[in-house]
Amino acid sequence: MVGSHPDKAGRRGRAPSQRQLRVGEEVRHVLAGVFQRGDLHDPELDGVSITVSEVSVSPDLRNATVFVMPLGGVHADDVLAGLKRAAPFLRTVLAKWRNR
């Protein structure tokens, strides 16, 4: 059965708006920069390259789901745990970016 991906369909099965797509790409770029610069100081994330593959933004732009993968897929559970611990810092970075 062919259907739309629930994360990409937005509300009521509609495709994401141009604004959602643009904001998602900007959030992806900001987070990729944080990971590339090594701004996160967590033992699980030291020396790990993280790829941000997609950011899905809600229609009201209040929430985003970020899809990440460590390079090579190794230690994915440890990286996810480190990112969860870093979530408050990442929210702060995104809030500062949003209010620029």
Protein backbone atom coordinates (compact mmCIF):
# COMPACT_ATOMS: atom_id res chain seq x y z
CA MET A 1 0.00 0.00 0.00
CA VAL A 2 1.36 3.39 -0.98
CA GLY A 3 0.86 6.28 1.41
CA SER A 4 2.48 9.44 2.59
CA HIS A 5 5.11 9.33 5.31
CA PRO A 6 3.35 10.54 8.50
CA ASP A 7 6.26 12.81 9.48
CA LYS A 8 6.30 14.49 6.08
CA ALA A 9 2.56 14.85 5.61
CA GLY A 10 1.88 17.47 8.27
CA ARG A 11 -1.64 17.90 9.56
CA ARG A 12 -4.59 16.22 7.86
CA GLY A 13 -2.34 14.56 5.28
CA ARG A 14 -1.19 17.80 3.70
CA ALA A 15 2.34 18.20 2.42
CA PRO A 16 4.58 20.57 4.41
CA SER A 17 4.40 24.21 3.41
CA GLN A 18 7.31 26.06 1.85
CA ARG A 19 7.78 27.85 5.16
CA GLN A 20 7.98 24.56 7.08
CA LEU A 21 10.53 23.25 4.61
CA ARG A 22 12.61 26.43 4.77
CA VAL A 23 12.59 26.56 8.58
CA GLY A 24 13.44 22.85 8.73
CA GLU A 25 16.45 23.37 6.46
CA GLU A 26 17.64 26.34 8.53
CA VAL A 27 17.32 24.35 11.77
CA ARG A 28 19.21 21.47 10.12
CA HIS A 29 21.97 23.87 9.10
CA VAL A 30 22.24 25.41 12.60
CA LEU A 31 22.41 22.01 14.31
CA ALA A 32 24.90 20.66 11.78
CA GLY A 33 27.11 23.66 12.56
CA VAL A 34 26.91 22.94 16.30
CA PHE A 35 27.92 19.32 15.71
CA GLN A 36 30.68 20.24 13.25
CA ARG A 37 32.24 22.84 15.57
CA GLY A 38 32.17 20.41 18.50
CA ASP A 39 30.13 22.75 20.71
CA LEU A 40 28.66 19.79 22.61
CA HIS A 41 30.72 18.67 25.57
CA ASP A 42 29.49 15.17 26.33
CA PRO A 43 31.73 12.10 26.64
CA GLU A 44 29.39 10.07 24.40
CA LEU A 45 29.69 12.67 21.63
CA ASP A 46 33.46 13.27 21.73
CA GLY A 47 35.03 12.41 18.40
CA VAL A 48 31.74 11.29 16.82
CA SER A 49 30.62 12.80 13.52
CA ILE A 50 26.85 13.30 13.53
CA THR A 51 24.81 13.74 10.36
CA VAL A 52 21.53 15.67 10.51
CA SER A 53 19.57 14.02 7.72
CA GLU A 54 16.22 15.75 8.08
CA VAL A 55 14.25 18.15 10.25
CA SER A 56 10.47 17.88 10.19
CA VAL A 57 8.73 21.02 11.48
CA SER A 58 5.14 21.17 12.73
CA PRO A 59 2.66 23.38 10.83
CA ASP A 60 2.72 25.99 13.63
CA LEU A 61 6.57 25.94 13.60
CA ARG A 62 6.63 25.32 17.37
CA ASN A 63 8.00 21.77 17.29
CA ALA A 64 10.59 20.00 15.22
CA THR A 65 11.69 16.41 14.94
CA VAL A 66 15.37 16.07 14.08
CA PHE A 67 16.64 12.91 12.39
CA VAL A 68 20.31 12.24 13.10
CA MET A 69 22.76 9.44 12.48
CA PRO A 70 26.32 8.99 13.71
CA LEU A 71 28.76 8.52 10.85
CA GLY A 72 28.91 4.83 10.07
CA GLY A 73 25.96 4.15 12.37
CA VAL A 74 28.25 3.02 15.19
CA HIS A 75 27.27 3.60 18.83
CA ALA A 76 23.89 5.05 17.79
CA ASP A 77 22.31 4.38 21.20
CA ASP A 78 25.16 6.12 23.05
CA VAL A 79 25.01 9.09 20.68
CA LEU A 80 21.24 9.36 21.14
CA ALA A 81 21.68 9.33 24.93
CA GLY A 82 24.30 12.10 24.66
CA LEU A 83 22.03 14.17 22.42
CA LYS A 84 19.15 13.79 24.87
CA ARG A 85 21.40 15.11 27.64
CA ALA A 86 22.41 17.98 25.34
CA ALA A 87 18.79 18.84 24.43
CA PRO A 88 18.55 21.89 26.76
CA PHE A 89 21.74 23.34 25.24
CA LEU A 90 20.48 22.66 21.71
CA ARG A 91 17.15 24.34 22.52
CA THR A 92 19.06 27.38 23.78
CA VAL A 93 21.11 27.53 20.58
CA LEU A 94 17.95 27.34 18.48
CA ALA A 95 16.18 29.97 20.61
CA LYS A 96 19.10 32.37 20.16
CA TRP A 97 19.09 31.65 16.42
CA ARG A 98 15.33 32.26 16.22
CA ASN A 99 15.58 35.56 18.09
CA ARG A 100 18.48 36.92 16.07
